[in-house]
Amino acid sequence: MSPKYPVLKPQEIIRALKKAGFREVSQKGSHFKLKKENPTSIVIIPMHEEVARGTLKSILEQAGISLEEFLKLYR
């Protein structure tokens, strides 16, 4: 696993994905669901204290966003 993936709080990831065009769909327990219409993508964010690097990598793959794109949205 590459250390270039940061360990972030779920709220930081959600904020960046909303900038990318995702919208809130629902929250069930400790998991937050975001959706983007074109192309259709659904991403589940675990609402833990921190999201691990591997989990962030999986979230970005599901969202169809590269790490570089995400980091631009995050900052």
N, C-alpha and C. Protein backbone atom coordinates (compact mmCIF):
# COMPACT_ATOMS: atom_id res chain seq x y z
N MET A 1 0.85 -1.17 0.00
CA MET A 1 0.00 0.00 0.00
C MET A 1 0.89 1.24 0.00
N SER A 2 0.60 2.15 -0.84
CA SER A 2 1.40 3.36 -0.95
C SER A 2 1.07 4.33 0.19
N PRO A 3 2.08 4.90 0.84
CA PRO A 3 1.81 5.84 1.92
C PRO A 3 1.31 7.20 1.44
N LYS A 4 1.20 7.38 0.12
CA LYS A 4 0.73 8.66 -0.39
C LYS A 4 -0.76 8.89 -0.13
N TYR A 5 -1.50 7.81 0.17
CA TYR A 5 -2.90 7.96 0.54
C TYR A 5 -2.96 8.44 1.99
N PRO A 6 -3.58 9.59 2.25
CA PRO A 6 -3.61 10.10 3.62
C PRO A 6 -4.66 9.39 4.47
N VAL A 7 -4.48 9.45 5.77
CA VAL A 7 -5.49 8.99 6.72
C VAL A 7 -6.33 10.22 7.05
N LEU A 8 -7.63 10.17 6.73
CA LEU A 8 -8.49 11.34 6.89
C LEU A 8 -9.71 11.02 7.74
N LYS A 9 -10.37 12.08 8.19
CA LYS A 9 -11.64 11.93 8.89
C LYS A 9 -12.73 11.77 7.84
N PRO A 10 -13.79 11.04 8.15
CA PRO A 10 -14.86 10.83 7.17
C PRO A 10 -15.48 12.13 6.66
N GLN A 11 -15.61 13.14 7.52
CA GLN A 11 -16.20 14.40 7.11
C GLN A 11 -15.37 15.09 6.03
N GLU A 12 -14.05 14.93 6.08
CA GLU A 12 -13.18 15.53 5.08
C GLU A 12 -13.37 14.84 3.72
N ILE A 13 -13.54 13.54 3.73
CA ILE A 13 -13.76 12.78 2.50
C ILE A 13 -15.11 13.15 1.90
N ILE A 14 -16.14 13.21 2.74
CA ILE A 14 -17.48 13.56 2.28
C ILE A 14 -17.49 14.95 1.65
N ARG A 15 -16.84 15.91 2.30
CA ARG A 15 -16.78 17.28 1.77
C ARG A 15 -16.14 17.31 0.38
N ALA A 16 -15.05 16.58 0.20
CA ALA A 16 -14.36 16.54 -1.09
C ALA A 16 -15.22 15.86 -2.16
N LEU A 17 -15.90 14.78 -1.80
CA LEU A 17 -16.74 14.08 -2.77
C LEU A 17 -17.95 14.92 -3.16
N LYS A 18 -18.48 15.70 -2.24
CA LYS A 18 -19.59 16.59 -2.59
C LYS A 18 -19.14 17.65 -3.59
N LYS A 19 -17.90 18.12 -3.46
CA LYS A 19 -17.34 19.05 -4.44
C LYS A 19 -17.23 18.40 -5.82
N ALA A 20 -17.06 17.08 -5.84
CA ALA A 20 -16.93 16.33 -7.09
C ALA A 20 -18.29 15.99 -7.70
N GLY A 21 -19.39 16.40 -7.06
CA GLY A 21 -20.70 16.18 -7.62
C GLY A 21 -21.52 15.08 -6.96
N PHE A 22 -21.02 14.50 -5.89
CA PHE A 22 -21.78 13.49 -5.17
C PHE A 22 -22.77 14.17 -4.24
N ARG A 23 -23.88 13.48 -3.99
CA ARG A 23 -24.89 14.01 -3.05
C ARG A 23 -25.22 12.95 -2.02
N GLU A 24 -25.68 13.42 -0.88
CA GLU A 24 -26.04 12.52 0.22
C GLU A 24 -27.29 11.75 -0.13
N VAL A 25 -27.25 10.43 0.08
CA VAL A 25 -28.41 9.58 -0.17
C VAL A 25 -29.00 9.14 1.16
N SER A 26 -28.18 8.55 2.02
CA SER A 26 -28.69 8.07 3.30
C SER A 26 -27.53 7.78 4.25
N GLN A 27 -27.91 7.52 5.49
CA GLN A 27 -26.95 7.05 6.49
C GLN A 27 -27.64 5.96 7.28
N LYS A 28 -26.97 4.83 7.39
CA LYS A 28 -27.51 3.71 8.15
C LYS A 28 -26.43 3.27 9.13
N GLY A 29 -26.70 3.48 10.39
CA GLY A 29 -25.70 3.13 11.40
C GLY A 29 -24.46 3.99 11.24
N SER A 30 -23.34 3.35 11.11
CA SER A 30 -22.08 4.08 11.00
C SER A 30 -21.57 4.16 9.56
N HIS A 31 -22.48 4.07 8.58
CA HIS A 31 -22.08 4.16 7.18
C HIS A 31 -22.91 5.21 6.46
N PHE A 32 -22.23 6.07 5.72
CA PHE A 32 -22.82 7.20 5.02
C PHE A 32 -22.78 6.89 3.53
N LYS A 33 -23.89 7.06 2.82
CA LYS A 33 -23.96 6.72 1.40
C LYS A 33 -24.06 7.99 0.56
N LEU A 34 -23.19 8.09 -0.45
CA LEU A 34 -23.19 9.19 -1.41
C LEU A 34 -23.42 8.63 -2.80
N LYS A 35 -24.05 9.44 -3.67
CA LYS A 35 -24.35 8.98 -5.03
C LYS A 35 -24.07 10.08 -6.03
N LYS A 36 -23.60 9.69 -7.20
CA LYS A 36 -23.39 10.60 -8.32
C LYS A 36 -24.15 10.02 -9.50
N GLU A 37 -24.88 10.86 -10.22
CA GLU A 37 -25.76 10.39 -11.29
C GLU A 37 -25.05 10.02 -12.59
N ASN A 38 -24.19 10.88 -13.09
CA ASN A 38 -23.59 10.65 -14.42
C ASN A 38 -22.08 10.55 -14.32
N PRO A 39 -21.44 9.46 -14.52
CA PRO A 39 -22.03 8.12 -14.54
C PRO A 39 -22.44 7.73 -13.13
N THR A 40 -23.33 6.80 -13.03
CA THR A 40 -23.87 6.41 -11.73
C THR A 40 -22.79 5.74 -10.88
N SER A 41 -22.54 6.34 -9.72
CA SER A 41 -21.59 5.79 -8.76
C SER A 41 -22.19 5.92 -7.37
N ILE A 42 -22.06 4.87 -6.58
CA ILE A 42 -22.49 4.91 -5.19
C ILE A 42 -21.27 4.59 -4.35
N VAL A 43 -21.06 5.40 -3.33
CA VAL A 43 -19.89 5.25 -2.46
C VAL A 43 -20.38 5.19 -1.02
N ILE A 44 -19.83 4.26 -0.26
CA ILE A 44 -20.15 4.12 1.15
C ILE A 44 -18.94 4.58 1.97
N ILE A 45 -19.18 5.52 2.89
CA ILE A 45 -18.10 6.04 3.74
C ILE A 45 -18.34 5.55 5.17
N PRO A 46 -17.38 4.83 5.77
CA PRO A 46 -17.54 4.43 7.17
C PRO A 46 -17.32 5.64 8.07
N MET A 47 -18.21 5.86 9.01
CA MET A 47 -18.13 7.02 9.89
C MET A 47 -17.35 6.68 11.16
N HIS A 48 -16.10 6.29 10.98
CA HIS A 48 -15.22 5.99 12.11
C HIS A 48 -14.41 7.24 12.41
N GLU A 49 -13.57 7.19 13.42
CA GLU A 49 -12.76 8.36 13.75
C GLU A 49 -11.85 8.74 12.59
N GLU A 50 -11.22 7.76 11.98
CA GLU A 50 -10.34 7.96 10.83
C GLU A 50 -10.62 6.87 9.81
N VAL A 51 -10.44 7.23 8.53
CA VAL A 51 -10.60 6.26 7.45
C VAL A 51 -9.20 5.83 7.04
N ALA A 52 -8.94 4.54 7.07
CA ALA A 52 -7.62 3.99 6.76
C ALA A 52 -7.24 4.23 5.29
N ARG A 53 -5.96 4.16 5.01
CA ARG A 53 -5.45 4.40 3.64
C ARG A 53 -6.08 3.45 2.63
N GLY A 54 -6.14 2.17 2.96
CA GLY A 54 -6.69 1.18 2.04
C GLY A 54 -8.17 1.41 1.79
N THR A 55 -8.89 1.84 2.82
CA THR A 55 -10.31 2.14 2.67
C THR A 55 -10.50 3.36 1.78
N LEU A 56 -9.66 4.38 1.96
CA LEU A 56 -9.73 5.57 1.10
C LEU A 56 -9.45 5.19 -0.34
N LYS A 57 -8.47 4.33 -0.57
CA LYS A 57 -8.16 3.88 -1.93
C LYS A 57 -9.38 3.20 -2.55
N SER A 58 -10.05 2.35 -1.79
CA SER A 58 -11.25 1.66 -2.28
C SER A 58 -12.38 2.64 -2.57
N ILE A 59 -12.57 3.62 -1.70
CA ILE A 59 -13.61 4.64 -1.90
C ILE A 59 -13.36 5.40 -3.19
N LEU A 60 -12.12 5.80 -3.42
CA LEU A 60 -11.79 6.56 -4.63
C LEU A 60 -11.97 5.72 -5.89
N GLU A 61 -11.66 4.43 -5.81
CA GLU A 61 -11.88 3.53 -6.95
C GLU A 61 -13.36 3.42 -7.25
N GLN A 62 -14.19 3.27 -6.22
CA GLN A 62 -15.64 3.20 -6.41
C GLN A 62 -16.18 4.50 -7.00
N ALA A 63 -15.61 5.63 -6.58
CA ALA A 63 -16.06 6.93 -7.05
C ALA A 63 -15.54 7.26 -8.44
N GLY A 64 -14.52 6.54 -8.89
CA GLY A 64 -13.94 6.82 -10.20
C GLY A 64 -13.10 8.09 -10.19
N ILE A 65 -12.47 8.38 -9.06
CA ILE A 65 -11.66 9.58 -8.90
C ILE A 65 -10.22 9.16 -8.60
N SER A 66 -9.28 9.78 -9.26
CA SER A 66 -7.87 9.49 -8.98
C SER A 66 -7.46 10.19 -7.68
N LEU A 67 -6.36 9.74 -7.10
CA LEU A 67 -5.86 10.36 -5.87
C LEU A 67 -5.53 11.82 -6.11
N GLU A 68 -4.94 12.13 -7.26
CA GLU A 68 -4.56 13.51 -7.58
C GLU A 68 -5.80 14.41 -7.65
N GLU A 69 -6.86 13.94 -8.31
CA GLU A 69 -8.11 14.70 -8.38
C GLU A 69 -8.68 14.92 -6.99
N PHE A 70 -8.69 13.86 -6.19
CA PHE A 70 -9.22 13.94 -4.84
C PHE A 70 -8.46 14.96 -4.00
N LEU A 71 -7.14 14.93 -4.08
CA LEU A 71 -6.33 15.85 -3.28
C LEU A 71 -6.58 17.31 -3.68
N LYS A 72 -6.85 17.57 -4.97
CA LYS A 72 -7.20 18.92 -5.40
C LYS A 72 -8.54 19.36 -4.80
N LEU A 73 -9.51 18.44 -4.75
CA LEU A 73 -10.82 18.74 -4.17
C LEU A 73 -10.72 18.89 -2.66
N TYR A 74 -9.86 18.12 -2.04
CA TYR A 74 -9.70 18.11 -0.59
C TYR A 74 -9.11 19.42 -0.08
N ARG A 75 -8.20 19.98 -0.83
CA ARG A 75 -7.50 21.20 -0.38
C ARG A 75 -8.23 22.44 -0.65
